[in-house]
N, C-alpha and C. Protein backbone atom coordinates (compact mmCIF):
# COMPACT_ATOMS: atom_id res chain seq x y z
N MET A 1 95.28 -4.42 71.65
CA MET A 1 94.97 -4.31 73.07
C MET A 1 96.11 -3.65 73.82
N ASP A 2 97.35 -4.05 73.42
CA ASP A 2 98.51 -3.45 74.07
C ASP A 2 98.60 -1.98 73.75
N ASN A 3 98.29 -1.65 72.50
CA ASN A 3 98.32 -0.24 72.12
C ASN A 3 97.32 0.57 72.93
N LEU A 4 96.17 -0.04 73.15
CA LEU A 4 95.12 0.65 73.92
C LEU A 4 95.58 0.90 75.35
N LYS A 5 96.26 -0.09 75.92
CA LYS A 5 96.75 0.07 77.28
C LYS A 5 97.80 1.17 77.34
N ARG A 6 98.74 1.18 76.33
CA ARG A 6 99.79 2.19 76.34
C ARG A 6 99.19 3.58 76.19
N GLU A 7 98.16 3.67 75.34
CA GLU A 7 97.51 4.96 75.14
C GLU A 7 96.80 5.41 76.40
N PHE A 8 96.20 4.44 77.07
CA PHE A 8 95.47 4.75 78.32
C PHE A 8 96.44 5.25 79.39
N LEU A 9 97.61 4.58 79.48
CA LEU A 9 98.61 4.98 80.47
C LEU A 9 99.18 6.35 80.12
N ARG A 10 99.40 6.61 78.82
CA ARG A 10 99.94 7.91 78.41
C ARG A 10 98.99 9.03 78.77
N LEU A 11 97.71 8.77 78.53
CA LEU A 11 96.72 9.80 78.85
C LEU A 11 96.65 10.07 80.36
N LEU A 12 96.84 9.02 81.13
CA LEU A 12 96.85 9.21 82.59
C LEU A 12 98.03 10.08 83.01
N ARG A 13 99.21 9.90 82.30
CA ARG A 13 100.38 10.67 82.66
C ARG A 13 100.30 12.09 82.16
N GLU A 14 99.77 12.29 80.96
CA GLU A 14 99.88 13.58 80.31
C GLU A 14 98.61 14.41 80.39
N ASP A 15 97.48 13.79 80.46
CA ASP A 15 96.19 14.53 80.41
C ASP A 15 95.57 14.55 81.82
N GLU A 16 95.68 15.71 82.42
CA GLU A 16 95.15 15.83 83.81
C GLU A 16 93.64 15.66 83.84
N GLU A 17 92.95 16.22 82.87
CA GLU A 17 91.49 16.12 82.84
C GLU A 17 91.06 14.66 82.73
N PHE A 18 91.79 13.91 81.87
CA PHE A 18 91.48 12.49 81.72
C PHE A 18 91.75 11.73 83.00
N ARG A 19 92.90 12.11 83.63
CA ARG A 19 93.27 11.44 84.87
C ARG A 19 92.22 11.66 85.95
N LEU A 20 91.70 12.87 86.06
CA LEU A 20 90.67 13.17 87.06
C LEU A 20 89.36 12.43 86.76
N ALA A 21 89.04 12.33 85.49
CA ALA A 21 87.82 11.63 85.10
C ALA A 21 87.90 10.16 85.47
N VAL A 22 89.08 9.56 85.22
CA VAL A 22 89.25 8.15 85.56
C VAL A 22 89.18 7.94 87.07
N ALA A 23 89.84 8.87 87.80
CA ALA A 23 89.80 8.77 89.27
C ALA A 23 88.38 8.87 89.79
N GLY A 24 87.59 9.77 89.18
CA GLY A 24 86.19 9.91 89.60
C GLY A 24 85.39 8.66 89.34
N LEU A 25 85.64 8.05 88.16
CA LEU A 25 84.92 6.82 87.84
C LEU A 25 85.26 5.70 88.81
N ILE A 26 86.55 5.61 89.13
CA ILE A 26 86.97 4.57 90.07
C ILE A 26 86.32 4.79 91.44
N GLY A 27 86.31 6.06 91.90
CA GLY A 27 85.70 6.37 93.20
C GLY A 27 84.21 6.10 93.20
N LEU A 28 83.50 6.46 92.13
CA LEU A 28 82.06 6.23 92.05
C LEU A 28 81.75 4.74 92.09
N GLY A 29 82.59 3.96 91.44
CA GLY A 29 82.38 2.51 91.48
C GLY A 29 82.48 1.97 92.90
N GLU A 30 83.49 2.49 93.62
CA GLU A 30 83.63 2.05 95.01
C GLU A 30 82.44 2.46 95.85
N VAL A 31 81.95 3.71 95.56
CA VAL A 31 80.78 4.19 96.30
C VAL A 31 79.57 3.32 96.00
N LEU A 32 79.39 3.03 94.69
CA LEU A 32 78.25 2.19 94.33
C LEU A 32 78.36 0.80 94.94
N GLN A 33 79.58 0.29 94.96
CA GLN A 33 79.79 -1.02 95.57
C GLN A 33 79.49 -1.00 97.07
N GLU A 34 79.93 0.08 97.71
CA GLU A 34 79.66 0.22 99.15
C GLU A 34 78.17 0.35 99.42
N LEU A 35 77.49 1.11 98.52
CA LEU A 35 76.04 1.24 98.66
C LEU A 35 75.35 -0.10 98.52
N ARG A 36 75.84 -0.90 97.57
CA ARG A 36 75.24 -2.22 97.41
C ARG A 36 75.44 -3.07 98.68
N ARG A 37 76.66 -2.97 99.25
CA ARG A 37 76.90 -3.72 100.48
C ARG A 37 76.00 -3.22 101.62
N LEU A 38 75.85 -1.90 101.69
CA LEU A 38 74.98 -1.34 102.73
C LEU A 38 73.53 -1.79 102.54
N ARG A 39 73.09 -1.80 101.28
CA ARG A 39 71.72 -2.22 101.02
C ARG A 39 71.53 -3.69 101.39
N GLU A 40 72.51 -4.51 101.08
CA GLU A 40 72.41 -5.93 101.44
C GLU A 40 72.41 -6.10 102.96
N ASP A 41 73.30 -5.33 103.63
CA ASP A 41 73.33 -5.41 105.09
C ASP A 41 72.00 -4.94 105.70
N PHE A 42 71.45 -3.88 105.11
CA PHE A 42 70.19 -3.35 105.63
C PHE A 42 69.05 -4.35 105.43
N GLN A 43 69.04 -4.98 104.27
CA GLN A 43 68.01 -5.98 104.01
C GLN A 43 68.15 -7.16 104.98
N THR A 44 69.41 -7.55 105.24
CA THR A 44 69.63 -8.62 106.22
C THR A 44 69.15 -8.20 107.60
N TYR A 45 69.44 -6.94 107.96
CA TYR A 45 69.01 -6.41 109.27
C TYR A 45 67.48 -6.39 109.37
N ILE A 46 66.83 -5.96 108.26
CA ILE A 46 65.36 -5.91 108.25
C ILE A 46 64.79 -7.31 108.44
N LYS A 47 65.37 -8.28 107.75
CA LYS A 47 64.88 -9.65 107.88
C LYS A 47 65.05 -10.16 109.31
N GLU A 48 66.21 -9.84 109.91
CA GLU A 48 66.44 -10.27 111.29
C GLU A 48 65.45 -9.60 112.24
N GLN A 49 65.21 -8.30 112.00
CA GLN A 49 64.25 -7.59 112.85
C GLN A 49 62.84 -8.16 112.69
N GLU A 50 62.46 -8.46 111.46
CA GLU A 50 61.15 -9.06 111.24
C GLU A 50 61.04 -10.40 111.95
N LYS A 51 62.13 -11.16 111.91
CA LYS A 51 62.13 -12.45 112.60
C LYS A 51 61.98 -12.24 114.11
N ARG A 52 62.72 -11.25 114.62
CA ARG A 52 62.62 -10.96 116.06
C ARG A 52 61.23 -10.48 116.43
N TRP A 53 60.67 -9.62 115.59
CA TRP A 53 59.31 -9.13 115.87
C TRP A 53 58.30 -10.28 115.89
N ARG A 54 58.46 -11.18 114.91
CA ARG A 54 57.55 -12.34 114.89
C ARG A 54 57.72 -13.19 116.14
N GLU A 55 58.99 -13.37 116.55
CA GLU A 55 59.24 -14.14 117.76
C GLU A 55 58.68 -13.43 118.99
N ASN A 56 58.89 -12.11 119.08
CA ASN A 56 58.34 -11.34 120.20
C ASN A 56 56.82 -11.38 120.20
N GLU A 57 56.24 -11.27 119.00
CA GLU A 57 54.78 -11.33 118.92
C GLU A 57 54.27 -12.69 119.40
N ARG A 58 54.99 -13.74 119.03
CA ARG A 58 54.60 -15.07 119.48
C ARG A 58 54.69 -15.17 121.01
N ARG A 59 55.78 -14.59 121.56
CA ARG A 59 55.93 -14.61 123.02
C ARG A 59 54.86 -13.77 123.69
N TRP A 60 54.54 -12.62 123.10
CA TRP A 60 53.49 -11.77 123.69
C TRP A 60 52.15 -12.50 123.71
N ARG A 61 51.87 -13.20 122.63
CA ARG A 61 50.62 -13.95 122.59
C ARG A 61 50.60 -15.05 123.64
N MET A 62 51.74 -15.73 123.79
CA MET A 62 51.83 -16.77 124.82
C MET A 62 51.66 -16.16 126.21
N ASN A 63 52.34 -15.01 126.43
CA ASN A 63 52.21 -14.35 127.73
C ASN A 63 50.78 -13.88 127.98
N GLU A 64 50.14 -13.39 126.92
CA GLU A 64 48.76 -12.95 127.06
C GLU A 64 47.86 -14.12 127.45
N ARG A 65 48.09 -15.27 126.81
CA ARG A 65 47.31 -16.45 127.18
C ARG A 65 47.59 -16.86 128.62
N ARG A 66 48.86 -16.76 129.02
CA ARG A 66 49.20 -17.09 130.41
C ARG A 66 48.56 -16.11 131.38
N TRP A 67 48.59 -14.81 131.03
CA TRP A 67 47.97 -13.81 131.90
C TRP A 67 46.48 -14.07 132.05
N ARG A 68 45.84 -14.40 130.94
CA ARG A 68 44.41 -14.70 131.01
C ARG A 68 44.15 -15.93 131.86
N ALA A 69 45.01 -16.95 131.68
CA ALA A 69 44.85 -18.17 132.49
C ALA A 69 45.09 -17.86 133.96
N ASN A 70 46.13 -17.05 134.25
CA ASN A 70 46.39 -16.68 135.64
C ASN A 70 45.26 -15.86 136.22
N GLU A 71 44.70 -14.97 135.38
CA GLU A 71 43.58 -14.16 135.85
C GLU A 71 42.39 -15.05 136.21
N ARG A 72 42.14 -16.05 135.38
CA ARG A 72 41.05 -17.00 135.71
C ARG A 72 41.36 -17.74 137.01
N ARG A 73 42.62 -18.16 137.16
CA ARG A 73 42.99 -18.86 138.40
C ARG A 73 42.82 -17.95 139.61
N TRP A 74 43.24 -16.67 139.46
CA TRP A 74 43.11 -15.74 140.59
C TRP A 74 41.64 -15.53 140.95
N ARG A 75 40.81 -15.41 139.92
CA ARG A 75 39.38 -15.24 140.20
C ARG A 75 38.80 -16.47 140.89
N GLU A 76 39.20 -17.64 140.40
CA GLU A 76 38.71 -18.88 141.02
C GLU A 76 39.23 -19.00 142.45
N ALA A 77 40.52 -18.64 142.65
CA ALA A 77 41.09 -18.70 144.00
C ALA A 77 40.40 -17.71 144.92
N PHE A 78 40.09 -16.51 144.38
CA PHE A 78 39.41 -15.51 145.20
C PHE A 78 38.01 -15.99 145.57
N LYS A 79 37.32 -16.64 144.63
CA LYS A 79 36.00 -17.19 144.93
C LYS A 79 36.11 -18.26 146.01
N ARG A 80 37.13 -19.12 145.88
CA ARG A 80 37.32 -20.16 146.90
C ARG A 80 37.64 -19.53 148.25
N PHE A 81 38.45 -18.45 148.21
CA PHE A 81 38.79 -17.77 149.46
C PHE A 81 37.55 -17.16 150.10
N GLU A 82 36.70 -16.54 149.27
CA GLU A 82 35.46 -15.97 149.81
C GLU A 82 34.58 -17.05 150.40
N ALA A 83 34.47 -18.19 149.68
CA ALA A 83 33.67 -19.30 150.20
C ALA A 83 34.25 -19.83 151.50
N LEU A 84 35.59 -19.92 151.55
CA LEU A 84 36.24 -20.38 152.78
C LEU A 84 36.00 -19.41 153.91
N GLU A 85 36.08 -18.11 153.60
CA GLU A 85 35.84 -17.10 154.63
C GLU A 85 34.42 -17.18 155.16
N ARG A 86 33.46 -17.37 154.24
CA ARG A 86 32.08 -17.52 154.69
C ARG A 86 31.93 -18.77 155.55
N GLY A 87 32.60 -19.85 155.14
CA GLY A 87 32.54 -21.08 155.93
C GLY A 87 33.15 -20.89 157.30
N LEU A 88 34.27 -20.15 157.36
CA LEU A 88 34.90 -19.90 158.66
C LEU A 88 34.01 -19.04 159.54
N GLN A 89 33.33 -18.08 158.92
CA GLN A 89 32.42 -17.24 159.70
C GLN A 89 31.28 -18.07 160.27
N ARG A 90 30.74 -18.98 159.43
CA ARG A 90 29.68 -19.86 159.94
C ARG A 90 30.21 -20.76 161.06
N LEU A 91 31.43 -21.28 160.84
CA LEU A 91 32.03 -22.13 161.87
C LEU A 91 32.28 -21.35 163.15
N ASP A 92 32.73 -20.10 162.99
CA ASP A 92 32.99 -19.27 164.16
C ASP A 92 31.70 -19.04 164.95
N ARG A 93 30.60 -18.76 164.22
CA ARG A 93 29.33 -18.55 164.91
C ARG A 93 28.90 -19.83 165.63
N ARG A 94 29.11 -20.98 164.97
CA ARG A 94 28.74 -22.24 165.62
C ARG A 94 29.60 -22.49 166.86
N LEU A 95 30.90 -22.17 166.73
CA LEU A 95 31.78 -22.38 167.88
C LEU A 95 31.42 -21.46 169.03
N VAL A 96 31.02 -20.22 168.69
CA VAL A 96 30.61 -19.29 169.74
C VAL A 96 29.40 -19.85 170.48
N LEU A 97 28.41 -20.32 169.69
CA LEU A 97 27.21 -20.89 170.31
C LEU A 97 27.56 -22.14 171.12
N LEU A 98 28.40 -22.99 170.51
CA LEU A 98 28.79 -24.21 171.21
C LEU A 98 29.60 -23.89 172.45
N GLY A 99 30.51 -22.91 172.32
CA GLY A 99 31.33 -22.53 173.46
C GLY A 99 30.50 -21.95 174.58
N ALA A 100 29.50 -21.15 174.22
CA ALA A 100 28.63 -20.58 175.24
C ALA A 100 27.87 -21.69 175.96
N ARG A 101 27.34 -22.64 175.19
CA ARG A 101 26.60 -23.74 175.81
C ARG A 101 27.54 -24.60 176.64
N TRP A 102 28.73 -24.89 176.10
CA TRP A 102 29.70 -25.69 176.84
C TRP A 102 30.15 -24.97 178.10
N GLY A 103 30.30 -23.64 178.00
CA GLY A 103 30.72 -22.87 179.16
C GLY A 103 29.71 -22.94 180.28
N VAL A 104 28.42 -22.85 179.92
CA VAL A 104 27.36 -22.96 180.93
C VAL A 104 27.40 -24.33 181.57
N GLU A 105 27.52 -25.37 180.75
CA GLU A 105 27.55 -26.72 181.30
C GLU A 105 28.78 -26.92 182.18
N THR A 106 29.91 -26.36 181.74
CA THR A 106 31.13 -26.49 182.54
C THR A 106 30.99 -25.75 183.85
N GLU A 107 30.41 -24.54 183.79
CA GLU A 107 30.21 -23.75 185.00
C GLU A 107 29.33 -24.51 185.99
N GLU A 108 28.26 -25.13 185.49
CA GLU A 108 27.37 -25.89 186.36
C GLU A 108 28.11 -27.09 186.96
N ALA A 109 28.87 -27.80 186.12
CA ALA A 109 29.61 -28.96 186.62
C ALA A 109 30.65 -28.52 187.65
N PHE A 110 31.32 -27.40 187.37
CA PHE A 110 32.32 -26.90 188.31
C PHE A 110 31.67 -26.49 189.62
N ARG A 111 30.53 -25.86 189.53
CA ARG A 111 29.82 -25.42 190.73
C ARG A 111 29.44 -26.62 191.60
N GLU A 112 28.92 -27.66 190.95
CA GLU A 112 28.53 -28.85 191.70
C GLU A 112 29.75 -29.53 192.31
N ALA A 113 30.88 -29.51 191.58
CA ALA A 113 32.08 -30.18 192.07
C ALA A 113 32.65 -29.50 193.31
N VAL A 114 32.49 -28.17 193.41
CA VAL A 114 33.10 -27.45 194.54
C VAL A 114 32.08 -27.13 195.62
N ARG A 115 30.85 -27.56 195.44
CA ARG A 115 29.82 -27.22 196.43
C ARG A 115 30.25 -27.72 197.82
N GLY A 116 30.71 -28.97 197.88
CA GLY A 116 31.13 -29.51 199.18
C GLY A 116 32.37 -28.82 199.69
N ILE A 117 33.28 -28.46 198.77
CA ILE A 117 34.51 -27.79 199.17
C ILE A 117 34.20 -26.41 199.72
N VAL A 118 33.21 -25.74 199.15
CA VAL A 118 32.82 -24.42 199.64
C VAL A 118 32.41 -24.49 201.10
N GLU A 119 31.67 -25.52 201.43
CA GLU A 119 31.25 -25.67 202.82
C GLU A 119 32.46 -25.86 203.73
N ASP A 120 33.47 -26.59 203.25
CA ASP A 120 34.66 -26.80 204.06
C ASP A 120 35.46 -25.51 204.20
N VAL A 121 35.53 -24.73 203.13
CA VAL A 121 36.32 -23.51 203.15
C VAL A 121 35.63 -22.43 203.97
N LEU A 122 34.34 -22.23 203.74
CA LEU A 122 33.62 -21.13 204.38
C LEU A 122 33.01 -21.54 205.72
N GLY A 123 33.03 -22.80 205.99
CA GLY A 123 32.47 -23.26 207.25
C GLY A 123 31.26 -24.14 207.02
N VAL A 124 30.93 -24.93 208.04
CA VAL A 124 29.80 -25.85 207.92
C VAL A 124 28.51 -25.07 207.79
N GLY A 125 27.71 -25.44 206.84
CA GLY A 125 26.43 -24.78 206.64
C GLY A 125 25.75 -25.38 205.44
N GLU A 126 24.58 -24.94 205.18
CA GLU A 126 23.82 -25.47 204.06
C GLU A 126 23.93 -24.53 202.87
N VAL A 127 24.36 -25.08 201.75
CA VAL A 127 24.44 -24.31 200.53
C VAL A 127 23.17 -24.55 199.73
N VAL A 128 22.43 -23.48 199.49
CA VAL A 128 21.19 -23.59 198.72
C VAL A 128 21.28 -22.67 197.51
N ARG A 129 20.42 -22.95 196.56
CA ARG A 129 20.37 -22.13 195.34
C ARG A 129 19.24 -21.13 195.49
N TRP A 130 19.58 -19.85 195.47
CA TRP A 130 18.57 -18.81 195.61
C TRP A 130 18.20 -18.30 194.23
N SER A 131 16.92 -18.33 193.90
CA SER A 131 16.43 -17.86 192.61
C SER A 131 15.45 -16.73 192.85
N TYR A 132 15.58 -15.67 192.06
CA TYR A 132 14.72 -14.51 192.26
C TYR A 132 14.57 -13.79 190.93
N PHE A 133 13.37 -13.27 190.68
CA PHE A 133 13.16 -12.50 189.45
C PHE A 133 13.43 -11.03 189.72
N ASP A 134 14.44 -10.51 189.04
CA ASP A 134 14.85 -9.11 189.21
C ASP A 134 14.00 -8.25 188.28
N GLY A 135 12.84 -7.81 188.81
CA GLY A 135 11.93 -7.02 187.99
C GLY A 135 12.44 -5.64 187.67
N GLU A 136 13.33 -5.10 188.52
CA GLU A 136 13.85 -3.75 188.29
C GLU A 136 15.07 -3.73 187.37
N GLY A 137 15.58 -4.90 187.08
CA GLY A 137 16.76 -4.96 186.21
C GLY A 137 18.02 -4.47 186.89
N LEU A 138 18.11 -4.67 188.20
CA LEU A 138 19.26 -4.17 188.96
C LEU A 138 20.55 -4.89 188.56
N VAL A 139 20.46 -6.18 188.31
CA VAL A 139 21.67 -6.96 188.04
C VAL A 139 22.13 -6.83 186.59
N PHE A 140 21.21 -7.06 185.66
CA PHE A 140 21.59 -7.10 184.24
C PHE A 140 21.17 -5.86 183.46
N GLY A 141 20.45 -4.94 184.11
CA GLY A 141 20.00 -3.75 183.41
C GLY A 141 18.63 -3.92 182.78
N PHE A 142 18.04 -5.08 182.91
CA PHE A 142 16.69 -5.34 182.39
C PHE A 142 16.09 -6.46 183.24
N PRO A 143 14.77 -6.54 183.31
CA PRO A 143 14.13 -7.58 184.13
C PRO A 143 14.55 -8.97 183.69
N SER A 144 15.00 -9.78 184.64
CA SER A 144 15.46 -11.13 184.32
C SER A 144 15.58 -11.94 185.61
N PRO A 145 15.51 -13.27 185.50
CA PRO A 145 15.73 -14.11 186.68
C PRO A 145 17.19 -14.11 187.10
N VAL A 146 17.43 -14.21 188.40
CA VAL A 146 18.78 -14.20 188.95
C VAL A 146 18.93 -15.39 189.88
N GLU A 147 20.08 -16.06 189.80
CA GLU A 147 20.35 -17.20 190.67
C GLU A 147 21.72 -17.05 191.30
N VAL A 148 21.86 -17.53 192.54
CA VAL A 148 23.14 -17.49 193.22
C VAL A 148 23.12 -18.53 194.34
N ASP A 149 24.30 -19.08 194.65
CA ASP A 149 24.41 -20.01 195.78
C ASP A 149 24.48 -19.21 197.07
N VAL A 150 23.76 -19.68 198.09
CA VAL A 150 23.75 -19.01 199.40
C VAL A 150 24.13 -20.03 200.47
N LEU A 151 25.15 -19.68 201.24
CA LEU A 151 25.55 -20.51 202.37
C LEU A 151 25.17 -19.77 203.64
N VAL A 152 24.36 -20.40 204.48
CA VAL A 152 23.92 -19.80 205.74
C VAL A 152 24.71 -20.43 206.87
N LYS A 153 25.42 -19.62 207.61
CA LYS A 153 26.26 -20.10 208.71
C LYS A 153 26.10 -19.17 209.90
N ASP A 154 25.58 -19.72 211.01
CA ASP A 154 25.39 -18.94 212.23
C ASP A 154 24.60 -17.66 211.96
N GLY A 155 23.58 -17.77 211.12
CA GLY A 155 22.74 -16.63 210.83
C GLY A 155 23.33 -15.66 209.83
N VAL A 156 24.54 -15.95 209.37
CA VAL A 156 25.19 -15.09 208.37
C VAL A 156 24.94 -15.67 206.99
N HIS A 157 24.45 -14.82 206.10
CA HIS A 157 24.18 -15.26 204.73
C HIS A 157 25.38 -14.88 203.84
N ILE A 158 25.94 -15.89 203.22
CA ILE A 158 27.09 -15.66 202.33
C ILE A 158 26.68 -16.04 200.91
N LEU A 159 26.68 -15.04 200.03
CA LEU A 159 26.39 -15.32 198.62
C LEU A 159 27.68 -15.80 197.95
N VAL A 160 27.61 -16.97 197.37
CA VAL A 160 28.80 -17.60 196.79
C VAL A 160 28.62 -17.72 195.28
N GLU A 161 29.50 -17.07 194.55
CA GLU A 161 29.51 -17.19 193.09
C GLU A 161 30.71 -18.06 192.71
N VAL A 162 30.44 -19.16 192.05
CA VAL A 162 31.49 -20.09 191.64
C VAL A 162 31.73 -19.92 190.14
N LYS A 163 32.98 -19.62 189.77
CA LYS A 163 33.33 -19.40 188.37
C LYS A 163 34.58 -20.19 188.03
N ALA A 164 34.58 -20.81 186.86
CA ALA A 164 35.79 -21.49 186.39
C ALA A 164 36.90 -20.48 186.12
N SER A 165 36.52 -19.26 185.73
CA SER A 165 37.45 -18.16 185.52
C SER A 165 36.68 -16.87 185.72
N ALA A 166 37.27 -15.91 186.43
CA ALA A 166 36.52 -14.71 186.80
C ALA A 166 37.24 -13.45 186.34
N THR A 167 36.44 -12.41 186.05
CA THR A 167 36.96 -11.10 185.67
C THR A 167 36.27 -10.04 186.51
N ASP A 168 36.60 -8.78 186.27
CA ASP A 168 35.97 -7.70 187.03
C ASP A 168 34.47 -7.62 186.76
N SER A 169 34.02 -8.02 185.58
CA SER A 169 32.59 -8.00 185.29
C SER A 169 31.86 -9.03 186.15
N ASP A 170 32.48 -10.19 186.41
CA ASP A 170 31.88 -11.18 187.31
C ASP A 170 31.80 -10.64 188.73
N VAL A 171 32.84 -9.91 189.14
CA VAL A 171 32.84 -9.31 190.48
C VAL A 171 31.71 -8.29 190.60
N ALA A 172 31.57 -7.43 189.60
CA ALA A 172 30.51 -6.41 189.63
C ALA A 172 29.13 -7.06 189.62
N LYS A 173 28.99 -8.12 188.87
CA LYS A 173 27.70 -8.83 188.83
C LYS A 173 27.35 -9.39 190.20
N LEU A 174 28.34 -10.02 190.88
CA LEU A 174 28.08 -10.56 192.22
C LEU A 174 27.69 -9.46 193.19
N TRP A 175 28.34 -8.32 193.08
CA TRP A 175 28.01 -7.19 193.97
C TRP A 175 26.57 -6.73 193.74
N ARG A 176 26.14 -6.66 192.48
CA ARG A 176 24.76 -6.26 192.19
C ARG A 176 23.77 -7.30 192.69
N ILE A 177 24.14 -8.58 192.59
CA ILE A 177 23.27 -9.63 193.14
C ILE A 177 23.14 -9.47 194.65
N GLY A 178 24.24 -9.09 195.30
CA GLY A 178 24.18 -8.84 196.74
C GLY A 178 23.22 -7.71 197.08
N GLN A 179 23.23 -6.65 196.27
CA GLN A 179 22.29 -5.54 196.48
C GLN A 179 20.84 -6.01 196.30
N LEU A 180 20.61 -6.84 195.29
CA LEU A 180 19.27 -7.36 195.05
C LEU A 180 18.84 -8.27 196.21
N TYR A 181 19.75 -9.09 196.70
CA TYR A 181 19.44 -10.00 197.80
C TYR A 181 19.05 -9.20 199.05
N ARG A 182 19.78 -8.14 199.31
CA ARG A 182 19.46 -7.31 200.48
C ARG A 182 18.09 -6.68 200.34
N ARG A 183 17.76 -6.19 199.15
CA ARG A 183 16.44 -5.59 198.94
C ARG A 183 15.33 -6.63 199.07
N ALA A 184 15.59 -7.82 198.56
CA ALA A 184 14.54 -8.84 198.52
C ALA A 184 14.32 -9.50 199.88
N THR A 185 15.40 -9.69 200.66
CA THR A 185 15.28 -10.44 201.92
C THR A 185 15.44 -9.58 203.16
N GLY A 186 15.98 -8.38 202.98
CA GLY A 186 16.26 -7.54 204.14
C GLY A 186 17.50 -7.96 204.90
N VAL A 187 18.26 -8.89 204.36
CA VAL A 187 19.48 -9.38 205.00
C VAL A 187 20.69 -8.86 204.22
N GLU A 188 21.63 -8.29 204.95
CA GLU A 188 22.87 -7.82 204.33
C GLU A 188 23.82 -9.01 204.20
N PRO A 189 24.05 -9.50 202.99
CA PRO A 189 24.87 -10.70 202.84
C PRO A 189 26.35 -10.37 202.71
N LYS A 190 27.16 -11.36 203.01
CA LYS A 190 28.56 -11.29 202.65
C LYS A 190 28.72 -11.93 201.26
N LEU A 191 29.74 -11.51 200.59
CA LEU A 191 29.93 -11.97 199.20
C LEU A 191 31.24 -12.73 199.08
N ALA A 192 31.19 -13.87 198.42
CA ALA A 192 32.39 -14.69 198.22
C ALA A 192 32.43 -15.17 196.78
N LEU A 193 33.59 -15.02 196.18
CA LEU A 193 33.80 -15.48 194.81
C LEU A 193 34.81 -16.62 194.84
N VAL A 194 34.39 -17.78 194.38
CA VAL A 194 35.26 -18.97 194.37
C VAL A 194 35.65 -19.26 192.93
N THR A 195 36.95 -19.19 192.64
CA THR A 195 37.42 -19.38 191.27
C THR A 195 38.88 -19.79 191.29
N PRO A 196 39.30 -20.68 190.40
CA PRO A 196 40.72 -21.02 190.33
C PRO A 196 41.55 -19.94 189.64
N HIS A 197 40.88 -19.02 188.96
CA HIS A 197 41.63 -17.97 188.25
C HIS A 197 40.81 -16.69 188.21
N ILE A 198 41.47 -15.57 188.54
CA ILE A 198 40.84 -14.25 188.42
C ILE A 198 41.91 -13.27 187.96
N ASP A 199 41.57 -12.38 187.04
CA ASP A 199 42.57 -11.45 186.53
C ASP A 199 42.80 -10.31 187.53
N GLU A 200 43.81 -9.49 187.25
CA GLU A 200 44.21 -8.43 188.18
C GLU A 200 43.11 -7.40 188.36
N ARG A 201 42.43 -7.05 187.29
CA ARG A 201 41.33 -6.08 187.41
C ARG A 201 40.22 -6.65 188.28
N GLY A 202 39.98 -7.95 188.15
CA GLY A 202 38.97 -8.59 188.98
C GLY A 202 39.35 -8.55 190.45
N ARG A 203 40.62 -8.77 190.76
CA ARG A 203 41.09 -8.72 192.14
C ARG A 203 40.89 -7.32 192.73
N LYS A 204 41.27 -6.32 191.98
CA LYS A 204 41.13 -4.95 192.47
C LYS A 204 39.66 -4.59 192.67
N ALA A 205 38.80 -5.02 191.75
CA ALA A 205 37.37 -4.74 191.88
C ALA A 205 36.81 -5.43 193.11
N ALA A 206 37.21 -6.68 193.36
CA ALA A 206 36.72 -7.41 194.53
C ALA A 206 37.17 -6.74 195.82
N GLU A 207 38.40 -6.29 195.84
CA GLU A 207 38.90 -5.59 197.03
C GLU A 207 38.14 -4.30 197.28
N ALA A 208 37.85 -3.56 196.21
CA ALA A 208 37.14 -2.30 196.36
C ALA A 208 35.70 -2.50 196.81
N LEU A 209 35.07 -3.61 196.40
CA LEU A 209 33.66 -3.85 196.72
C LEU A 209 33.48 -4.74 197.95
N GLY A 210 34.56 -5.13 198.58
CA GLY A 210 34.46 -5.93 199.80
C GLY A 210 34.06 -7.37 199.55
N ILE A 211 34.45 -7.91 198.43
CA ILE A 211 34.12 -9.30 198.09
C ILE A 211 35.33 -10.18 198.37
N GLN A 212 35.11 -11.25 199.12
CA GLN A 212 36.19 -12.18 199.43
C GLN A 212 36.39 -13.14 198.26
N VAL A 213 37.63 -13.26 197.82
CA VAL A 213 37.94 -14.12 196.69
C VAL A 213 38.72 -15.34 197.19
N TYR A 214 38.26 -16.54 196.81
CA TYR A 214 38.94 -17.78 197.14
C TYR A 214 39.43 -18.40 195.84
N THR A 215 40.74 -18.42 195.68
CA THR A 215 41.31 -18.96 194.44
C THR A 215 42.03 -20.27 194.65
N TYR A 216 42.34 -20.64 195.87
CA TYR A 216 43.01 -21.91 196.15
C TYR A 216 42.11 -22.74 197.03
N LEU A 217 41.55 -23.81 196.47
CA LEU A 217 40.61 -24.65 197.21
C LEU A 217 41.35 -25.83 197.83
């Protein structure tokens, strides 16, 4: 064995071709060893990636189930919202009808409450309810019955419209009633609007049409 080693060392020193061959073998071994390490590392990397892919796939499936569940919830919520909207629309229509009926009742109650005060404000006289069928549609634009309070004082006829709240449309309506009253009776009436509140447009309209507005009773 020792002789073999000495011969091997001698050949390395003296034989260049042998020396190069040995160097090549040593280098190839290192390359092969490095390749083995790379292959092991690559296999480890592949296994880790497969594990990650499986984990990601599991998460994607969970997210997909969540998305589907959320989509069902959104659809159910949208259906509930639509049902609620329909219910609110029905409620709104009922409130409009109720408000209209309540408004008429309130207007009548308010009118009765201030009837005596009107006499004090406008002067002593008899307040009566004048009813007339407007066949020409002068007041509302179509044939309809028309009613208004009339206070007669010293031969002067005063048409009194009592409103809980008044606008320019109420002013215009009273003016048209005055025109109808003049045509029906031949008497030129004075016009008075009694209300605790009237908007600015209503005030301007009353001033332009010669209607007296009483807002403080």
